[in-house]
Each structure stands twice: as C-alpha cells, then as structure tokens.
C-alpha atoms as a PDB file:
ATOM      1  CA  UNK A   1     -19.478 -23.004  -7.092  1.00  0.00           C
ATOM      2  CA  UNK A   2     -21.473 -20.793  -4.876  1.00  0.00           C
ATOM      3  CA  UNK A   3     -21.498 -16.984  -5.481  1.00  0.00           C
ATOM      4  CA  UNK A   4     -19.173 -14.726  -3.683  1.00  0.00           C
ATOM      5  CA  UNK A   5     -21.036 -13.471  -0.585  1.00  0.00           C
ATOM      6  CA  UNK A   6     -20.274  -9.821  -1.262  1.00  0.00           C
ATOM      7  CA  UNK A   7     -21.392  -7.353  -3.871  1.00  0.00           C
ATOM      8  CA  UNK A   8     -19.353  -7.085  -7.023  1.00  0.00           C
ATOM      9  CA  UNK A   9     -17.614  -3.910  -7.898  1.00  0.00           C
ATOM     10  CA  UNK A  10     -19.911  -1.044  -8.816  1.00  0.00           C
ATOM     11  CA  UNK A  11     -17.300   1.546  -9.513  1.00  0.00           C
ATOM     12  CA  UNK A  12     -17.298   2.981  -6.013  1.00  0.00           C
ATOM     13  CA  UNK A  13     -15.452   2.332  -2.781  1.00  0.00           C
ATOM     14  CA  UNK A  14     -11.922   2.472  -1.859  1.00  0.00           C
ATOM     15  CA  UNK A  15      -8.970   0.558  -3.279  1.00  0.00           C
ATOM     16  CA  UNK A  16      -6.686  -0.853  -0.688  1.00  0.00           C
ATOM     17  CA  UNK A  17      -2.969  -1.043  -0.928  1.00  0.00           C
ATOM     18  CA  UNK A  18      -1.803  -4.568  -1.832  1.00  0.00           C
ATOM     19  CA  UNK A  19      -1.834  -6.751   1.236  1.00  0.00           C
ATOM     20  CA  UNK A  20      -4.125  -4.450   3.140  1.00  0.00           C
ATOM     21  CA  UNK A  21      -6.710  -6.898   4.476  1.00  0.00           C
ATOM     22  CA  UNK A  22      -8.686  -6.891   7.697  1.00  0.00           C
ATOM     23  CA  UNK A  23      -8.163 -10.505   8.896  1.00  0.00           C
ATOM     24  CA  UNK A  24     -10.455  -9.964  11.841  1.00  0.00           C
ATOM     25  CA  UNK A  25     -13.369  -8.894   9.627  1.00  0.00           C
ATOM     26  CA  UNK A  26     -12.782 -11.855   7.323  1.00  0.00           C
ATOM     27  CA  UNK A  27     -12.730 -14.256  10.227  1.00  0.00           C
ATOM     28  CA  UNK A  28     -16.116 -12.758  11.365  1.00  0.00           C
ATOM     29  CA  UNK A  29     -17.511 -13.425   7.920  1.00  0.00           C
ATOM     30  CA  UNK A  30     -16.505 -17.139   8.264  1.00  0.00           C
ATOM     31  CA  UNK A  31     -13.345 -17.037   6.030  1.00  0.00           C
ATOM     32  CA  UNK A  32     -10.655 -19.485   7.175  1.00  0.00           C
ATOM     33  CA  UNK A  33      -7.448 -17.395   7.583  1.00  0.00           C
ATOM     34  CA  UNK A  34      -5.348 -20.144   5.783  1.00  0.00           C
ATOM     35  CA  UNK A  35      -7.376 -19.581   2.643  1.00  0.00           C
ATOM     36  CA  UNK A  36      -6.660 -15.847   2.486  1.00  0.00           C
ATOM     37  CA  UNK A  37      -4.206 -15.435  -0.459  1.00  0.00           C
ATOM     38  CA  UNK A  38      -3.124 -12.224  -2.312  1.00  0.00           C
ATOM     39  CA  UNK A  39      -1.570 -11.769  -5.751  1.00  0.00           C
ATOM     40  CA  UNK A  40       0.349  -9.023  -7.479  1.00  0.00           C
ATOM     41  CA  UNK A  41      -1.166  -8.120 -10.800  1.00  0.00           C
ATOM     42  CA  UNK A  42       0.321  -5.168 -12.542  1.00  0.00           C
ATOM     43  CA  UNK A  43      -2.214  -2.429 -13.354  1.00  0.00           C
ATOM     44  CA  UNK A  44      -4.768  -3.774 -10.844  1.00  0.00           C
ATOM     45  CA  UNK A  45      -5.202  -3.108  -7.173  1.00  0.00           C
ATOM     46  CA  UNK A  46      -7.118  -5.109  -4.526  1.00  0.00           C
ATOM     47  CA  UNK A  47     -10.618  -3.753  -4.158  1.00  0.00           C
ATOM     48  CA  UNK A  48     -11.115  -3.674  -0.380  1.00  0.00           C
ATOM     49  CA  UNK A  49     -14.905  -3.654  -0.536  1.00  0.00           C
ATOM     50  CA  UNK A  50     -14.895  -6.929  -2.551  1.00  0.00           C
ATOM     51  CA  UNK A  51     -13.272  -9.091   0.188  1.00  0.00           C
ATOM     52  CA  UNK A  52     -15.628 -11.803   1.388  1.00  0.00           C
ATOM     53  CA  UNK A  53     -16.389 -15.464   1.948  1.00  0.00           C
ATOM     54  CA  UNK A  54     -16.798 -18.058  -0.869  1.00  0.00           C
ATOM     55  CA  UNK A  55     -18.800 -21.196   0.005  1.00  0.00           C
ATOM     56  CA  UNK A  56     -18.363 -22.280   3.634  1.00  0.00           C
ATOM     57  CA  UNK A  57     -14.914 -20.891   4.505  1.00  0.00           C
ATOM     58  CA  UNK A  58     -13.247 -19.793   1.302  1.00  0.00           C
ATOM     59  CA  UNK A  59     -12.077 -16.410   0.357  1.00  0.00           C
ATOM     60  CA  UNK A  60     -12.847 -14.213  -2.657  1.00  0.00           C
ATOM     61  CA  UNK A  61     -11.748 -10.761  -3.861  1.00  0.00           C
ATOM     62  CA  UNK A  62     -11.620  -8.658  -6.937  1.00  0.00           C
ATOM     63  CA  UNK A  63      -8.567  -6.734  -8.377  1.00  0.00           C
ATOM     64  CA  UNK A  64      -9.565  -3.740 -10.430  1.00  0.00           C
ATOM     65  CA  UNK A  65      -7.779  -1.394 -12.877  1.00  0.00           C
ATOM     66  CA  UNK A  66      -8.407   2.300 -13.104  1.00  0.00           C
ATOM     67  CA  UNK A  67     -10.042   1.604 -16.420  1.00  0.00           C
ATOM     68  CA  UNK A  68     -12.625  -0.682 -14.816  1.00  0.00           C
ATOM     69  CA  UNK A  69     -11.148  -4.128 -15.727  1.00  0.00           C
ATOM     70  CA  UNK A  70     -11.760  -6.761 -13.138  1.00  0.00           C
ATOM     71  CA  UNK A  71      -9.985 -10.014 -12.224  1.00  0.00           C
ATOM     72  CA  UNK A  72     -11.442 -12.311  -9.650  1.00  0.00           C
ATOM     73  CA  UNK A  73      -9.506 -14.299  -7.028  1.00  0.00           C
ATOM     74  CA  UNK A  74     -11.247 -17.261  -5.359  1.00  0.00           C
ATOM     75  CA  UNK A  75      -9.624 -19.660  -2.880  1.00  0.00           C
ATOM     76  CA  UNK A  76     -11.344 -22.630  -1.364  1.00  0.00           C
ATOM     77  CA  UNK A  77     -10.583 -26.151  -0.276  1.00  0.00           C
ATOM     78  CA  UNK A  78     -10.578 -28.674  -3.098  1.00  0.00           C
ATOM     79  CA  UNK A  79      -8.768 -30.692  -5.646  1.00  0.00           C
ATOM     80  CA  UNK A  80      -8.191 -30.365  -9.423  1.00  0.00           C
ATOM     81  CA  UNK A  81      -6.777 -32.498 -12.121  1.00  0.00           C
ATOM     82  CA  UNK A  82      -6.627 -32.794 -15.867  1.00  0.00           C
ATOM     83  CA  UNK A  83      -9.918 -34.666 -16.102  1.00  0.00           C
ATOM     84  CA  UNK A  84     -11.730 -31.827 -14.121  1.00  0.00           C
ATOM     85  CA  UNK A  85     -10.086 -29.116 -16.187  1.00  0.00           C
ATOM     86  CA  UNK A  86     -12.342 -29.742 -19.253  1.00  0.00           C
ATOM     87  CA  UNK A  87     -15.301 -30.959 -17.313  1.00  0.00           C
ATOM     88  CA  UNK A  88     -15.854 -28.037 -14.878  1.00  0.00           C
ATOM     89  CA  UNK A  89     -17.344 -24.840 -16.531  1.00  0.00           C
ATOM     90  CA  UNK A  90     -15.333 -21.717 -16.342  1.00  0.00           C
ATOM     91  CA  UNK A  91     -17.058 -19.378 -13.899  1.00  0.00           C
ATOM     92  CA  UNK A  92     -19.177 -16.624 -15.587  1.00  0.00           C
ATOM     93  CA  UNK A  93     -18.690 -18.028 -19.122  1.00  0.00           C
ATOM     94  CA  UNK A  94     -21.696 -19.369 -20.955  1.00  0.00           C
ATOM     95  CA  UNK A  95     -22.403 -22.771 -19.296  1.00  0.00           C
ATOM     96  CA  UNK A  96     -22.186 -24.599 -22.670  1.00  0.00           C
ATOM     97  CA  UNK A  97     -18.966 -22.949 -23.758  1.00  0.00           C
ATOM     98  CA  UNK A  98     -16.285 -25.419 -24.592  1.00  0.00           C
ATOM     99  CA  UNK A  99     -13.387 -25.392 -22.035  1.00  0.00           C
ATOM    100  CA  UNK A 100      -9.954 -25.427 -23.605  1.00  0.00           C
ATOM    101  CA  UNK A 101      -7.259 -26.633 -21.063  1.00  0.00           C
ATOM    102  CA  UNK A 102      -3.479 -26.378 -20.832  1.00  0.00           C
ATOM    103  CA  UNK A 103      -1.634 -27.833 -17.942  1.00  0.00           C
ATOM    104  CA  UNK A 104       1.714 -26.230 -17.565  1.00  0.00           C
ATOM    105  CA  UNK A 105       4.402 -25.714 -14.905  1.00  0.00           C
ATOM    106  CA  UNK A 106       2.202 -23.336 -12.838  1.00  0.00           C
ATOM    107  CA  UNK A 107      -1.221 -25.000 -12.958  1.00  0.00           C
ATOM    108  CA  UNK A 108      -4.138 -25.205 -15.359  1.00  0.00           C
ATOM    109  CA  UNK A 109      -4.943 -22.469 -17.843  1.00  0.00           C
ATOM    110  CA  UNK A 110      -8.582 -22.602 -18.890  1.00  0.00           C
ATOM    111  CA  UNK A 111     -10.370 -20.669 -21.539  1.00  0.00           C
ATOM    112  CA  UNK A 112     -14.126 -20.686 -22.267  1.00  0.00           C
ATOM    113  CA  UNK A 113     -15.998 -18.117 -24.280  1.00  0.00           C
ATOM    114  CA  UNK A 114     -14.577 -14.700 -23.399  1.00  0.00           C
ATOM    115  CA  UNK A 115     -13.302 -15.853 -19.968  1.00  0.00           C
ATOM    116  CA  UNK A 116     -10.049 -17.250 -18.830  1.00  0.00           C
ATOM    117  CA  UNK A 117      -8.643 -18.536 -15.575  1.00  0.00           C
ATOM    118  CA  UNK A 118      -5.597 -20.156 -14.036  1.00  0.00           C
ATOM    119  CA  UNK A 119      -6.173 -22.804 -11.418  1.00  0.00           C
ATOM    120  CA  UNK A 120      -3.408 -23.741  -8.895  1.00  0.00           C
ATOM    121  CA  UNK A 121      -3.322 -26.144  -6.026  1.00  0.00           C
ATOM    122  CA  UNK A 122      -1.338 -25.202  -2.834  1.00  0.00           C
ATOM    123  CA  UNK A 123      -1.855 -28.082  -0.357  1.00  0.00           C
ATOM    124  CA  UNK A 124      -5.661 -28.357  -0.039  1.00  0.00           C
ATOM    125  CA  UNK A 125      -6.093 -24.761  -1.212  1.00  0.00           C
ATOM    126  CA  UNK A 126      -7.637 -24.399  -4.709  1.00  0.00           C
ATOM    127  CA  UNK A 127      -6.653 -20.930  -6.050  1.00  0.00           C
ATOM    128  CA  UNK A 128      -8.504 -19.553  -9.075  1.00  0.00           C
ATOM    129  CA  UNK A 129      -7.643 -16.333 -10.820  1.00  0.00           C
ATOM    130  CA  UNK A 130     -10.033 -15.345 -13.589  1.00  0.00           C
ATOM    131  CA  UNK A 131     -11.050 -12.606 -15.852  1.00  0.00           C
ATOM    132  CA  UNK A 132     -12.176 -11.630 -19.416  1.00  0.00           C
ATOM    133  CA  UNK A 133      -9.605 -12.560 -21.966  1.00  0.00           C
ATOM    134  CA  UNK A 134      -9.835  -8.986 -23.360  1.00  0.00           C
ATOM    135  CA  UNK A 135      -9.067  -7.464 -19.841  1.00  0.00           C
ATOM    136  CA  UNK A 136      -5.957  -9.346 -18.882  1.00  0.00           C
ATOM    137  CA  UNK A 137      -3.401 -11.421 -20.656  1.00  0.00           C
ATOM    138  CA  UNK A 138      -2.594 -15.036 -19.981  1.00  0.00           C
ATOM    139  CA  UNK A 139       1.007 -14.309 -19.088  1.00  0.00           C
ATOM    140  CA  UNK A 140      -0.176 -11.692 -16.483  1.00  0.00           C
ATOM    141  CA  UNK A 141      -2.661 -14.145 -14.993  1.00  0.00           C
ATOM    142  CA  UNK A 142       0.031 -16.888 -14.825  1.00  0.00           C
ATOM    143  CA  UNK A 143       2.581 -14.637 -13.159  1.00  0.00           C
ATOM    144  CA  UNK A 144       0.068 -13.343 -10.697  1.00  0.00           C
ATOM    145  CA  UNK A 145      -1.256 -16.855  -9.657  1.00  0.00           C
ATOM    146  CA  UNK A 146       2.244 -18.285  -9.575  1.00  0.00           C
ATOM    147  CA  UNK A 147       3.178 -15.645  -7.006  1.00  0.00           C
ATOM    148  CA  UNK A 148       0.003 -16.114  -4.889  1.00  0.00           C
ATOM    149  CA  UNK A 149       0.890 -15.815  -1.274  1.00  0.00           C
ATOM    150  CA  UNK A 150      -1.019 -16.354   2.066  1.00  0.00           C
ATOM    151  CA  UNK A 151      -1.974 -13.082   3.644  1.00  0.00           C
ATOM    152  CA  UNK A 152      -0.996 -12.612   7.280  1.00  0.00           C
ATOM    153  CA  UNK A 153      -2.052 -10.475  10.207  1.00  0.00           C
ATOM    154  CA  UNK A 154       0.999  -8.470   9.636  1.00  0.00           C
ATOM    155  CA  UNK A 155      -0.219  -7.310   6.221  1.00  0.00           C
ATOM    156  CA  UNK A 156      -3.137  -5.630   8.055  1.00  0.00           C
ATOM    157  CA  UNK A 157      -0.579  -3.482   9.978  1.00  0.00           C
ATOM    158  CA  UNK A 158      -0.678  -0.750   7.350  1.00  0.00           C
ATOM    159  CA  UNK A 159      -1.639   2.366   9.356  1.00  0.00           C
ATOM    160  CA  UNK A 160      -4.668   4.317   8.157  1.00  0.00           C
ATOM    161  CA  UNK A 161      -3.926   7.642   6.473  1.00  0.00           C
ATOM    162  CA  UNK A 162      -3.476  10.647   8.817  1.00  0.00           C
ATOM    163  CA  UNK A 163      -6.615  12.685   9.349  1.00  0.00           C
ATOM    164  CA  UNK A 164      -6.427  16.209   8.375  1.00  0.00           C
ATOM    165  CA  UNK A 165      -8.736  18.598  10.227  1.00  0.00           C
ATOM    166  CA  UNK A 166     -11.399  20.355   8.371  1.00  0.00           C
ATOM    167  CA  UNK A 167     -10.896  24.139   8.165  1.00  0.00           C
ATOM    168  CA  UNK A 168     -14.054  25.927   9.308  1.00  0.00           C
ATOM    169  CA  UNK A 169     -14.716  29.577   8.621  1.00  0.00           C
ATOM    170  CA  UNK A 170     -17.420  30.131  11.176  1.00  0.00           C
ATOM    171  CA  UNK A 171     -15.458  29.369  14.395  1.00  0.00           C
ATOM    172  CA  UNK A 172     -14.267  32.408  16.566  1.00  0.00           C
ATOM    173  CA  UNK A 173     -10.535  32.804  17.211  1.00  0.00           C
ATOM    174  CA  UNK A 174     -11.342  33.467  20.906  1.00  0.00           C
ATOM    175  CA  UNK A 175     -13.830  31.999  23.401  1.00  0.00           C
ATOM    176  CA  UNK A 176     -15.061  28.481  23.715  1.00  0.00           C
ATOM    177  CA  UNK A 177     -14.909  27.738  19.901  1.00  0.00           C
ATOM    178  CA  UNK A 178     -18.581  27.482  19.388  1.00  0.00           C
ATOM    179  CA  UNK A 179     -19.896  28.618  15.977  1.00  0.00           C
ATOM    180  CA  UNK A 180     -20.955  32.233  15.671  1.00  0.00           C
ATOM    181  CA  UNK A 181     -24.730  32.102  15.465  1.00  0.00           C
ATOM    182  CA  UNK A 182     -25.582  35.654  16.183  1.00  0.00           C
ATOM    183  CA  UNK A 183     -28.870  36.869  14.710  1.00  0.00           C
ATOM    184  CA  UNK A 184     -28.578  39.738  12.305  1.00  0.00           C
ATOM    185  CA  UNK A 185     -31.170  42.418  11.709  1.00  0.00           C
ATOM    186  CA  UNK A 186     -34.310  41.004  10.183  1.00  0.00           C
ATOM    187  CA  UNK A 187     -33.438  37.449  11.121  1.00  0.00           C
END
C-alpha cells in the first residue's frame, strides 16, 4: 500500500475536534469525499495536520493521544477476505512477521509483531484502523472501527475559535492609534 501523502505526526500542530475536517482541502488533494470516514477513539483526537490522500483517491489520518500514542486510519477502495487476511502484511510491522487473523462480527482483526489492525468493508470502502498493540487495546480498535462513519460537509461547519485582540502597551489612548515612536534624549 502506498504511503500516506502527508507527514506523520511530529508532536506539533493542532488537534481538531472530532469531525472537524476541511472537505474542500481534501478534495483539492485528490481525496474522494465518499472515502472520508471518521472514528471515535476514547483518549485520542483527530490530528488535523495528518489528514491526506492515500494512493489515488483514498483518505488517511492519524488519531493521537496526549501521551503521544498514535492510531492510523486509512480508507481506500478495495476488497478483503479470509485468504487475504493472513497473506497481506500488516502495515509498519516487520514484513516477515507472521500475521495472526481473527474474523469476527465487525471485520478482520490482524496482529503482526507489535502492530495490530482492524479491517472492515463498507461497500467498496476498505477501512483500516491500526496501531501498536501497546498503545491501544483490541476492544477499543474494534469499537472505533465498528462505529466508523462517513464525514460530511456539515462536519466542517464547526466555527473557528473567536479571535481575541492582542493588548498592546505602546498605543496612545488618543490620536490616530499609531505607536509612540518619540525619540528620547540620546537616541
């Protein structure tokens, strides 16, 4: 699978409220709007700067915890079945790590090395939610991917925070408001 076309998390940038996606920006990047899904993962927030395109038209994002744990969401077109479950390597795990599969009522749980993921099909959308096994539990991954929902333009309607004017100490209380730049003796 091709790499996500955005930088990974480096510990900086803003965390968006769940559902706060800029669909217009994603369309400009080439993401197909019907492949933009969001999940709710307790203890993690959608990392706004991580949203980007996967492959030709897919969607990718990271969810991060305040402690720095990361879970990756990837959505692309595709298929998946029991045979593919063990044959396809788990992303970011050692390529030769044995893949252990469990097909349950939600989808396919896969574990390889220290990485785990859930894979779910929704029509032709192949949804993958993955992370280090030490960072997120299987039950949390399962619940999050089971509740994966398509993002809509309405979810981008979250208004930006109100801007607070900066208090400046060098502005006069009368006149045109220009800063006081008088030259003092010796200067």
